[in-house]
Every structure is written in C-alpha cells, then in structure tokens.
C-alpha cells in the first residue's frame, strides 16, 4: 500500500539499513530511501542530521537540553528526546541559531 506523508508532519527520520523510517506524531512509515538521500534533499526544508542514523526537523524542536557536555533535542508535542552526537553538535547549534527565535 502506498501512503503519502506530508514532509511538514515528519518530526524525525531514523536509518534502518538501506531504508529510512519516518516518524510523525501519529506513527511511523518505512520508505525505500537511504537517510543520506533524504538529508541531501531535505536540508533546505529544515532537517538537520543529529546522529549518523538520525535526521530531525527543526520545526518540531521544542527545547534544546545540555547536560554534562551532551546536547539533546526535545520534540513537540510529546516530549520525545533525541541525543545529538558530539560530532554534529556544532552544526545543530548553528542551524538552530540561524533559525531564530520561535513565535
């Protein structure tokens, strides 16, 4: 069965082998597209890599937490917390700052 999922509803994406799992507020969907391809196509739409296996939509980030030198992102509306890998921390911070304050 084919389902259409609006990119704006996707909160984060995780790699699963050669596939990617899209997570929305209502569930998840497996697609036959590598995470690296989604990253290339979706960077301009506000997605940022936070781990070698995870992309996050900055539009869904409600809070940035820092504890003991580690950064994590809290997503709205359910408070899902995702760790940012150390090698991606600088890029994530720059992208969030460039986005500016949320209304």
PDB file of N, CA and C in Angstrom:
ATOM      1  N   UNK A   1       0.839  -1.172   0.000  1.00  0.00           N
ATOM      2  CA  UNK A   1       0.000   0.000   0.000  1.00  0.00           C
ATOM      3  C   UNK A   1       0.891   1.245   0.000  1.00  0.00           C
ATOM      4  N   UNK A   2       0.515   2.221  -0.771  1.00  0.00           N
ATOM      5  CA  UNK A   2       1.252   3.476  -0.837  1.00  0.00           C
ATOM      6  C   UNK A   2       0.519   4.534  -0.023  1.00  0.00           C
ATOM      7  N   UNK A   3       1.269   5.229   0.815  1.00  0.00           N
ATOM      8  CA  UNK A   3       0.710   6.333   1.597  1.00  0.00           C
ATOM      9  C   UNK A   3       1.518   7.578   1.326  1.00  0.00           C
ATOM     10  N   UNK A   4       0.848   8.697   1.282  1.00  0.00           N
ATOM     11  CA  UNK A   4       1.522   9.970   1.135  1.00  0.00           C
ATOM     12  C   UNK A   4       1.612  10.618   2.507  1.00  0.00           C
ATOM     13  N   UNK A   5       2.809  11.056   2.844  1.00  0.00           N
ATOM     14  CA  UNK A   5       3.052  11.688   4.130  1.00  0.00           C
ATOM     15  C   UNK A   5       3.613  13.083   3.856  1.00  0.00           C
ATOM     16  N   UNK A   6       2.959  14.090   4.380  1.00  0.00           N
ATOM     17  CA  UNK A   6       3.461  15.455   4.208  1.00  0.00           C
ATOM     18  C   UNK A   6       4.782  15.613   4.950  1.00  0.00           C
ATOM     19  N   UNK A   7       5.766  16.154   4.274  1.00  0.00           N
ATOM     20  CA  UNK A   7       7.071  16.339   4.907  1.00  0.00           C
ATOM     21  C   UNK A   7       6.952  17.197   6.160  1.00  0.00           C
ATOM     22  N   UNK A   8       6.040  18.148   6.169  1.00  0.00           N
ATOM     23  CA  UNK A   8       5.872  19.033   7.333  1.00  0.00           C
ATOM     24  C   UNK A   8       5.390  18.285   8.577  1.00  0.00           C
ATOM     25  N   UNK A   9       4.846  17.080   8.410  1.00  0.00           N
ATOM     26  CA  UNK A   9       4.382  16.299   9.566  1.00  0.00           C
ATOM     27  C   UNK A   9       5.464  15.379  10.114  1.00  0.00           C
ATOM     28  N   UNK A  10       6.566  15.267   9.402  1.00  0.00           N
ATOM     29  CA  UNK A  10       7.651  14.373   9.829  1.00  0.00           C
ATOM     30  C   UNK A  10       8.483  15.062  10.892  1.00  0.00           C
ATOM     31  N   UNK A  11       8.590  14.446  12.060  1.00  0.00           N
ATOM     32  CA  UNK A  11       9.328  15.005  13.187  1.00  0.00           C
ATOM     33  C   UNK A  11      10.796  14.620  13.127  1.00  0.00           C
ATOM     34  N   UNK A  12      11.055  13.333  12.837  1.00  0.00           N
ATOM     35  CA  UNK A  12      12.427  12.872  12.683  1.00  0.00           C
ATOM     36  C   UNK A  12      12.455  11.620  11.834  1.00  0.00           C
ATOM     37  N   UNK A  13      13.658  11.273  11.377  1.00  0.00           N
ATOM     38  CA  UNK A  13      13.866  10.135  10.495  1.00  0.00           C
ATOM     39  C   UNK A  13      15.042   9.335  11.035  1.00  0.00           C
ATOM     40  N   UNK A  14      14.893   8.012  11.065  1.00  0.00           N
ATOM     41  CA  UNK A  14      15.993   7.155  11.505  1.00  0.00           C
ATOM     42  C   UNK A  14      16.317   6.141  10.416  1.00  0.00           C
ATOM     43  N   UNK A  15      17.611   5.912  10.224  1.00  0.00           N
ATOM     44  CA  UNK A  15      18.069   4.932   9.244  1.00  0.00           C
ATOM     45  C   UNK A  15      17.757   3.534   9.742  1.00  0.00           C
ATOM     46  N   UNK A  16      17.357   2.680   8.809  1.00  0.00           N
ATOM     47  CA  UNK A  16      17.163   1.258   9.090  1.00  0.00           C
ATOM     48  C   UNK A  16      17.725   0.500   7.896  1.00  0.00           C
ATOM     49  N   UNK A  17      19.024   0.278   7.950  1.00  0.00           N
ATOM     50  CA  UNK A  17      19.707  -0.356   6.822  1.00  0.00           C
ATOM     51  C   UNK A  17      19.694   0.572   5.621  1.00  0.00           C
ATOM     52  N   UNK A  18      19.242   0.055   4.478  1.00  0.00           N
ATOM     53  CA  UNK A  18      19.149   0.878   3.270  1.00  0.00           C
ATOM     54  C   UNK A  18      17.836   1.643   3.195  1.00  0.00           C
ATOM     55  N   UNK A  19      17.032   1.566   4.250  1.00  0.00           N
ATOM     56  CA  UNK A  19      15.738   2.227   4.307  1.00  0.00           C
ATOM     57  C   UNK A  19      15.781   3.349   5.339  1.00  0.00           C
ATOM     58  N   UNK A  20      14.690   4.094   5.413  1.00  0.00           N
ATOM     59  CA  UNK A  20      14.554   5.126   6.434  1.00  0.00           C
ATOM     60  C   UNK A  20      13.157   5.025   7.023  1.00  0.00           C
ATOM     61  N   UNK A  21      13.052   5.234   8.321  1.00  0.00           N
ATOM     62  CA  UNK A  21      11.753   5.231   8.988  1.00  0.00           C
ATOM     63  C   UNK A  21      11.406   6.674   9.343  1.00  0.00           C
ATOM     64  N   UNK A  22      10.256   7.130   8.841  1.00  0.00           N
ATOM     65  CA  UNK A  22       9.762   8.485   9.076  1.00  0.00           C
ATOM     66  C   UNK A  22       8.846   8.468  10.294  1.00  0.00           C
ATOM     67  N   UNK A  23       9.103   9.326  11.262  1.00  0.00           N
ATOM     68  CA  UNK A  23       8.285   9.385  12.469  1.00  0.00           C
ATOM     69  C   UNK A  23       7.446  10.657  12.468  1.00  0.00           C
ATOM     70  N   UNK A  24       6.131  10.470  12.595  1.00  0.00           N
ATOM     71  CA  UNK A  24       5.194  11.589  12.710  1.00  0.00           C
ATOM     72  C   UNK A  24       4.559  11.508  14.098  1.00  0.00           C
ATOM     73  N   UNK A  25       3.687  12.439  14.402  1.00  0.00           N
ATOM     74  CA  UNK A  25       3.009  12.422  15.703  1.00  0.00           C
ATOM     75  C   UNK A  25       2.050  11.244  15.821  1.00  0.00           C
ATOM     76  N   UNK A  26       1.636  10.688  14.683  1.00  0.00           N
ATOM     77  CA  UNK A  26       0.638   9.617  14.719  1.00  0.00           C
ATOM     78  C   UNK A  26       1.198   8.232  14.423  1.00  0.00           C
ATOM     79  N   UNK A  27       2.468   8.117  14.062  1.00  0.00           N
ATOM     80  CA  UNK A  27       3.027   6.802  13.769  1.00  0.00           C
ATOM     81  C   UNK A  27       4.326   6.900  12.993  1.00  0.00           C
ATOM     82  N   UNK A  28       4.704   5.770  12.377  1.00  0.00           N
ATOM     83  CA  UNK A  28       5.940   5.757  11.593  1.00  0.00           C
ATOM     84  C   UNK A  28       5.704   5.040  10.274  1.00  0.00           C
ATOM     85  N   UNK A  29       6.561   5.349   9.303  1.00  0.00           N
ATOM     86  CA  UNK A  29       6.429   4.819   7.956  1.00  0.00           C
ATOM     87  C   UNK A  29       7.821   4.474   7.431  1.00  0.00           C
ATOM     88  N   UNK A  30       7.958   3.295   6.859  1.00  0.00           N
ATOM     89  CA  UNK A  30       9.227   2.866   6.293  1.00  0.00           C
ATOM     90  C   UNK A  30       9.253   3.208   4.807  1.00  0.00           C
ATOM     91  N   UNK A  31      10.346   3.838   4.356  1.00  0.00           N
ATOM     92  CA  UNK A  31      10.496   4.196   2.944  1.00  0.00           C
ATOM     93  C   UNK A  31      11.791   3.610   2.406  1.00  0.00           C
ATOM     94  N   UNK A  32      11.807   3.323   1.124  1.00  0.00           N
ATOM     95  CA  UNK A  32      12.970   2.718   0.474  1.00  0.00           C
ATOM     96  C   UNK A  32      13.927   3.780  -0.028  1.00  0.00           C
ATOM     97  N   UNK A  33      14.330   4.646   0.846  1.00  0.00           N
ATOM     98  CA  UNK A  33      15.253   5.721   0.507  1.00  0.00           C
ATOM     99  C   UNK A  33      16.304   5.785   1.605  1.00  0.00           C
ATOM    100  N   UNK A  34      17.589   5.823   1.246  1.00  0.00           N
ATOM    101  CA  UNK A  34      18.616   5.938   2.286  1.00  0.00           C
ATOM    102  C   UNK A  34      18.554   7.291   3.000  1.00  0.00           C
ATOM    103  N   UNK A  35      18.969   7.298   4.247  1.00  0.00           N
ATOM    104  CA  UNK A  35      18.980   8.526   5.041  1.00  0.00           C
ATOM    105  C   UNK A  35      19.821   9.607   4.376  1.00  0.00           C
ATOM    106  N   UNK A  36      20.932   9.240   3.780  1.00  0.00           N
ATOM    107  CA  UNK A  36      21.810  10.229   3.140  1.00  0.00           C
ATOM    108  C   UNK A  36      21.097  10.960   2.000  1.00  0.00           C
ATOM    109  N   UNK A  37      20.247  10.260   1.276  1.00  0.00           N
ATOM    110  CA  UNK A  37      19.487  10.896   0.191  1.00  0.00           C
ATOM    111  C   UNK A  37      18.471  11.875   0.753  1.00  0.00           C
ATOM    112  N   UNK A  38      17.775  11.482   1.816  1.00  0.00           N
ATOM    113  CA  UNK A  38      16.818  12.394   2.451  1.00  0.00           C
ATOM    114  C   UNK A  38      17.531  13.623   3.002  1.00  0.00           C
ATOM    115  N   UNK A  39      18.689  13.425   3.586  1.00  0.00           N
ATOM    116  CA  UNK A  39      19.453  14.558   4.122  1.00  0.00           C
ATOM    117  C   UNK A  39      19.773  15.551   3.007  1.00  0.00           C
ATOM    118  N   UNK A  40      20.257  15.065   1.881  1.00  0.00           N
ATOM    119  CA  UNK A  40      20.581  15.948   0.752  1.00  0.00           C
ATOM    120  C   UNK A  40      19.351  16.712   0.269  1.00  0.00           C
ATOM    121  N   UNK A  41      18.238  16.017   0.150  1.00  0.00           N
ATOM    122  CA  UNK A  41      17.019  16.618  -0.401  1.00  0.00           C
ATOM    123  C   UNK A  41      16.297  17.528   0.591  1.00  0.00           C
ATOM    124  N   UNK A  42      16.421  17.254   1.886  1.00  0.00           N
ATOM    125  CA  UNK A  42      15.605  17.940   2.886  1.00  0.00           C
ATOM    126  C   UNK A  42      16.339  18.964   3.736  1.00  0.00           C
ATOM    127  N   UNK A  43      17.618  19.155   3.537  1.00  0.00           N
ATOM    128  CA  UNK A  43      18.359  20.137   4.339  1.00  0.00           C
ATOM    129  C   UNK A  43      17.734  21.521   4.236  1.00  0.00           C
ATOM    130  N   UNK A  44      17.385  21.942   3.023  1.00  0.00           N
ATOM    131  CA  UNK A  44      16.788  23.269   2.837  1.00  0.00           C
ATOM    132  C   UNK A  44      15.388  23.380   3.433  1.00  0.00           C
ATOM    133  N   UNK A  45      14.772  22.250   3.752  1.00  0.00           N
ATOM    134  CA  UNK A  45      13.438  22.240   4.357  1.00  0.00           C
ATOM    135  C   UNK A  45      13.515  22.209   5.882  1.00  0.00           C
ATOM    136  N   UNK A  46      14.718  22.370   6.438  1.00  0.00           N
ATOM    137  CA  UNK A  46      14.855  22.462   7.890  1.00  0.00           C
ATOM    138  C   UNK A  46      15.195  21.179   8.606  1.00  0.00           C
ATOM    139  N   UNK A  47      15.672  20.170   7.880  1.00  0.00           N
ATOM    140  CA  UNK A  47      16.097  18.933   8.526  1.00  0.00           C
ATOM    141  C   UNK A  47      17.600  18.975   8.748  1.00  0.00           C
ATOM    142  N   UNK A  48      18.032  18.495   9.901  1.00  0.00           N
ATOM    143  CA  UNK A  48      19.446  18.506  10.251  1.00  0.00           C
ATOM    144  C   UNK A  48      19.823  17.133  10.807  1.00  0.00           C
ATOM    145  N   UNK A  49      21.008  16.686  10.446  1.00  0.00           N
ATOM    146  CA  UNK A  49      21.497  15.403  10.959  1.00  0.00           C
ATOM    147  C   UNK A  49      22.016  15.624  12.376  1.00  0.00           C
ATOM    148  N   UNK A  50      21.532  14.792  13.308  1.00  0.00           N
ATOM    149  CA  UNK A  50      21.988  14.905  14.698  1.00  0.00           C
ATOM    150  C   UNK A  50      22.793  13.683  15.117  1.00  0.00           C
ATOM    151  N   UNK A  51      22.791  12.667  14.273  1.00  0.00           N
ATOM    152  CA  UNK A  51      23.481  11.413  14.560  1.00  0.00           C
ATOM    153  C   UNK A  51      23.669  10.723  13.222  1.00  0.00           C
ATOM    154  N   UNK A  52      24.583   9.782  13.147  1.00  0.00           N
ATOM    155  CA  UNK A  52      24.800   9.125  11.857  1.00  0.00           C
ATOM    156  C   UNK A  52      23.555   8.418  11.357  1.00  0.00           C
ATOM    157  N   UNK A  53      22.620   8.134  12.259  1.00  0.00           N
ATOM    158  CA  UNK A  53      21.411   7.435  11.847  1.00  0.00           C
ATOM    159  C   UNK A  53      20.125   8.239  12.048  1.00  0.00           C
ATOM    160  N   UNK A  54      20.232   9.558  12.324  1.00  0.00           N
ATOM    161  CA  UNK A  54      19.028  10.335  12.633  1.00  0.00           C
ATOM    162  C   UNK A  54      19.050  11.733  12.016  1.00  0.00           C
ATOM    163  N   UNK A  55      17.929  12.099  11.391  1.00  0.00           N
ATOM    164  CA  UNK A  55      17.661  13.469  10.932  1.00  0.00           C
ATOM    165  C   UNK A  55      16.493  13.999  11.758  1.00  0.00           C
ATOM    166  N   UNK A  56      16.516  15.293  12.062  1.00  0.00           N
ATOM    167  CA  UNK A  56      15.425  15.905  12.827  1.00  0.00           C
ATOM    168  C   UNK A  56      14.922  17.134  12.086  1.00  0.00           C
ATOM    169  N   UNK A  57      13.612  17.327  12.131  1.00  0.00           N
ATOM    170  CA  UNK A  57      13.009  18.542  11.597  1.00  0.00           C
ATOM    171  C   UNK A  57      13.105  19.626  12.663  1.00  0.00           C
ATOM    172  N   UNK A  58      13.806  20.701  12.363  1.00  0.00           N
ATOM    173  CA  UNK A  58      13.958  21.781  13.342  1.00  0.00           C
ATOM    174  C   UNK A  58      12.621  22.433  13.687  1.00  0.00           C
ATOM    175  N   UNK A  59      11.658  22.330  12.792  1.00  0.00           N
ATOM    176  CA  UNK A  59      10.336  22.908  13.050  1.00  0.00           C
ATOM    177  C   UNK A  59       9.637  22.221  14.228  1.00  0.00           C
ATOM    178  N   UNK A  60      10.044  21.018  14.552  1.00  0.00           N
ATOM    179  CA  UNK A  60       9.408  20.265  15.637  1.00  0.00           C
ATOM    180  C   UNK A  60      10.224  20.275  16.927  1.00  0.00           C
ATOM    181  N   UNK A  61      11.346  20.978  16.945  1.00  0.00           N
ATOM    182  CA  UNK A  61      12.173  21.046  18.161  1.00  0.00           C
ATOM    183  C   UNK A  61      11.555  22.064  19.113  1.00  0.00           C
ATOM    184  N   UNK A  62      11.192  21.594  20.294  1.00  0.00           N
ATOM    185  CA  UNK A  62      10.587  22.454  21.307  1.00  0.00           C
ATOM    186  C   UNK A  62      11.613  22.957  22.309  1.00  0.00           C
ATOM    187  N   UNK A  63      12.700  22.192  22.504  1.00  0.00           N
ATOM    188  CA  UNK A  63      13.674  22.540  23.537  1.00  0.00           C
ATOM    189  C   UNK A  63      15.023  21.906  23.214  1.00  0.00           C
ATOM    190  N   UNK A  64      16.069  22.619  23.581  1.00  0.00           N
ATOM    191  CA  UNK A  64      17.425  22.081  23.475  1.00  0.00           C
ATOM    192  C   UNK A  64      17.941  21.925  24.902  1.00  0.00           C
ATOM    193  N   UNK A  65      18.382  20.726  25.236  1.00  0.00           N
ATOM    194  CA  UNK A  65      18.894  20.466  26.585  1.00  0.00           C
ATOM    195  C   UNK A  65      20.384  20.163  26.509  1.00  0.00           C
ATOM    196  N   UNK A  66      21.092  20.628  27.539  1.00  0.00           N
ATOM    197  CA  UNK A  66      22.519  20.320  27.644  1.00  0.00           C
ATOM    198  C   UNK A  66      22.797  19.834  29.053  1.00  0.00           C
ATOM    199  N   UNK A  67      23.441  18.678  29.139  1.00  0.00           N
ATOM    200  CA  UNK A  67      23.767  18.098  30.426  1.00  0.00           C
ATOM    201  C   UNK A  67      25.096  17.373  30.312  1.00  0.00           C
ATOM    202  N   UNK A  68      26.026  17.754  31.155  1.00  0.00           N
ATOM    203  CA  UNK A  68      27.357  17.132  31.183  1.00  0.00           C
ATOM    204  C   UNK A  68      28.018  17.135  29.804  1.00  0.00           C
ATOM    205  N   UNK A  69      27.872  18.253  29.106  1.00  0.00           N
ATOM    206  CA  UNK A  69      28.520  18.400  27.808  1.00  0.00           C
ATOM    207  C   UNK A  69      27.799  17.731  26.659  1.00  0.00           C
ATOM    208  N   UNK A  70      26.699  17.054  26.926  1.00  0.00           N
ATOM    209  CA  UNK A  70      25.921  16.389  25.872  1.00  0.00           C
ATOM    210  C   UNK A  70      24.674  17.203  25.562  1.00  0.00           C
ATOM    211  N   UNK A  71      24.320  17.253  24.297  1.00  0.00           N
ATOM    212  CA  UNK A  71      23.154  18.014  23.855  1.00  0.00           C
ATOM    213  C   UNK A  71      22.079  17.037  23.398  1.00  0.00           C
ATOM    214  N   UNK A  72      20.832  17.353  23.729  1.00  0.00           N
ATOM    215  CA  UNK A  72      19.702  16.584  23.224  1.00  0.00           C
ATOM    216  C   UNK A  72      18.606  17.553  22.796  1.00  0.00           C
ATOM    217  N   UNK A  73      17.754  17.080  21.893  1.00  0.00           N
ATOM    218  CA  UNK A  73      16.637  17.874  21.399  1.00  0.00           C
ATOM    219  C   UNK A  73      15.346  17.241  21.873  1.00  0.00           C
ATOM    220  N   UNK A  74      14.431  18.081  22.352  1.00  0.00           N
ATOM    221  CA  UNK A  74      13.121  17.621  22.799  1.00  0.00           C
ATOM    222  C   UNK A  74      12.119  18.056  21.737  1.00  0.00           C
ATOM    223  N   UNK A  75      11.329  17.094  21.259  1.00  0.00           N
ATOM    224  CA  UNK A  75      10.390  17.368  20.180  1.00  0.00           C
ATOM    225  C   UNK A  75       8.976  17.560  20.704  1.00  0.00           C
ATOM    226  N   UNK A  76       8.253  18.464  20.042  1.00  0.00           N
ATOM    227  CA  UNK A  76       6.840  18.672  20.342  1.00  0.00           C
ATOM    228  C   UNK A  76       6.049  17.682  19.503  1.00  0.00           C
ATOM    229  N   UNK A  77       4.918  17.255  19.886  1.00  0.00           N
ATOM    230  CA  UNK A  77       4.203  17.655  21.097  1.00  0.00           C
ATOM    231  C   UNK A  77       4.400  16.709  22.271  1.00  0.00           C
ATOM    232  N   UNK A  78       5.049  15.545  22.054  1.00  0.00           N
ATOM    233  CA  UNK A  78       5.069  14.518  23.106  1.00  0.00           C
ATOM    234  C   UNK A  78       6.323  14.469  23.962  1.00  0.00           C
ATOM    235  N   UNK A  79       7.302  15.330  23.678  1.00  0.00           N
ATOM    236  CA  UNK A  79       8.499  15.363  24.505  1.00  0.00           C
ATOM    237  C   UNK A  79       9.536  14.307  24.179  1.00  0.00           C
ATOM    238  N   UNK A  80       9.449  13.703  22.993  1.00  0.00           N
ATOM    239  CA  UNK A  80      10.480  12.750  22.577  1.00  0.00           C
ATOM    240  C   UNK A  80      11.830  13.438  22.660  1.00  0.00           C
ATOM    241  N   UNK A  81      12.805  12.797  23.305  1.00  0.00           N
ATOM    242  CA  UNK A  81      14.133  13.386  23.461  1.00  0.00           C
ATOM    243  C   UNK A  81      15.143  12.566  22.662  1.00  0.00           C
ATOM    244  N   UNK A  82      15.892  13.255  21.800  1.00  0.00           N
ATOM    245  CA  UNK A  82      16.881  12.608  20.941  1.00  0.00           C
ATOM    246  C   UNK A  82      18.262  13.181  21.214  1.00  0.00           C
ATOM    247  N   UNK A  83      19.231  12.315  21.435  1.00  0.00           N
ATOM    248  CA  UNK A  83      20.616  12.742  21.692  1.00  0.00           C
ATOM    249  C   UNK A  83      21.270  13.233  20.402  1.00  0.00           C
ATOM    250  N   UNK A  84      22.048  14.295  20.539  1.00  0.00           N
ATOM    251  CA  UNK A  84      22.852  14.804  19.428  1.00  0.00           C
ATOM    252  C   UNK A  84      24.253  14.230  19.592  1.00  0.00           C
ATOM    253  N   UNK A  85      24.769  13.609  18.550  1.00  0.00           N
ATOM    254  CA  UNK A  85      26.125  13.078  18.597  1.00  0.00           C
ATOM    255  C   UNK A  85      27.113  14.239  18.693  1.00  0.00           C
ATOM    256  N   UNK A  86      28.205  14.025  19.386  1.00  0.00           N
ATOM    257  CA  UNK A  86      29.185  15.100  19.585  1.00  0.00           C
ATOM    258  C   UNK A  86      29.672  15.699  18.276  1.00  0.00           C
ATOM    259  N   UNK A  87      29.870  14.870  17.269  1.00  0.00           N
ATOM    260  CA  UNK A  87      30.394  15.390  16.001  1.00  0.00           C
ATOM    261  C   UNK A  87      29.387  16.271  15.272  1.00  0.00           C
ATOM    262  N   UNK A  88      28.102  16.204  15.644  1.00  0.00           N
ATOM    263  CA  UNK A  88      27.070  17.011  14.983  1.00  0.00           C
ATOM    264  C   UNK A  88      26.616  18.198  15.832  1.00  0.00           C
ATOM    265  N   UNK A  89      27.121  18.313  17.051  1.00  0.00           N
ATOM    266  CA  UNK A  89      26.655  19.351  17.976  1.00  0.00           C
ATOM    267  C   UNK A  89      26.842  20.759  17.421  1.00  0.00           C
ATOM    268  N   UNK A  90      27.987  21.058  16.872  1.00  0.00           N
ATOM    269  CA  UNK A  90      28.253  22.415  16.365  1.00  0.00           C
ATOM    270  C   UNK A  90      27.277  22.769  15.243  1.00  0.00           C
ATOM    271  N   UNK A  91      27.088  21.870  14.290  1.00  0.00           N
ATOM    272  CA  UNK A  91      26.182  22.137  13.172  1.00  0.00           C
ATOM    273  C   UNK A  91      24.750  22.322  13.660  1.00  0.00           C
ATOM    274  N   UNK A  92      24.323  21.500  14.611  1.00  0.00           N
ATOM    275  CA  UNK A  92      22.965  21.615  15.150  1.00  0.00           C
ATOM    276  C   UNK A  92      22.787  22.977  15.816  1.00  0.00           C
ATOM    277  N   UNK A  93      23.729  23.378  16.636  1.00  0.00           N
ATOM    278  CA  UNK A  93      23.638  24.693  17.300  1.00  0.00           C
ATOM    279  C   UNK A  93      23.570  25.828  16.282  1.00  0.00           C
ATOM    280  N   UNK A  94      24.428  25.773  15.260  1.00  0.00           N
ATOM    281  CA  UNK A  94      24.430  26.823  14.240  1.00  0.00           C
ATOM    282  C   UNK A  94      23.105  26.880  13.493  1.00  0.00           C
ATOM    283  N   UNK A  95      22.559  25.723  13.161  1.00  0.00           N
ATOM    284  CA  UNK A  95      21.281  25.691  12.429  1.00  0.00           C
ATOM    285  C   UNK A  95      20.141  26.216  13.300  1.00  0.00           C
ATOM    286  N   UNK A  96      20.160  25.886  14.594  1.00  0.00           N
ATOM    287  CA  UNK A  96      19.102  26.364  15.484  1.00  0.00           C
ATOM    288  C   UNK A  96      19.212  27.871  15.675  1.00  0.00           C
ATOM    289  N   UNK A  97      20.424  28.370  15.843  1.00  0.00           N
ATOM    290  CA  UNK A  97      20.610  29.819  15.995  1.00  0.00           C
ATOM    291  C   UNK A  97      20.226  30.559  14.725  1.00  0.00           C
ATOM    292  N   UNK A  98      20.538  30.001  13.569  1.00  0.00           N
ATOM    293  CA  UNK A  98      20.205  30.631  12.300  1.00  0.00           C
ATOM    294  C   UNK A  98      18.697  30.684  12.092  1.00  0.00           C
ATOM    295  N   UNK A  99      17.998  29.724  12.662  1.00  0.00           N
ATOM    296  CA  UNK A  99      16.543  29.670  12.548  1.00  0.00           C
ATOM    297  C   UNK A  99      15.888  30.827  13.268  1.00  0.00           C
ATOM    298  N   UNK A 100      16.532  31.310  14.332  1.00  0.00           N
ATOM    299  CA  UNK A 100      15.991  32.418  15.101  1.00  0.00           C
ATOM    300  C   UNK A 100      14.969  31.963  16.129  1.00  0.00           C
ATOM    301  N   UNK A 101      14.484  32.902  16.937  1.00  0.00           N
ATOM    302  CA  UNK A 101      13.513  32.548  17.978  1.00  0.00           C
ATOM    303  C   UNK A 101      12.189  32.098  17.369  1.00  0.00           C
ATOM    304  N   UNK A 102      11.559  31.157  18.044  1.00  0.00           N
ATOM    305  CA  UNK A 102      10.257  30.655  17.586  1.00  0.00           C
ATOM    306  C   UNK A 102       9.155  31.523  18.161  1.00  0.00           C
ATOM    307  N   UNK A 103       8.119  31.745  17.388  1.00  0.00           N
ATOM    308  CA  UNK A 103       6.992  32.562  17.886  1.00  0.00           C
ATOM    309  C   UNK A 103       6.220  31.865  18.980  1.00  0.00           C
TER     310      UNK A 103
END
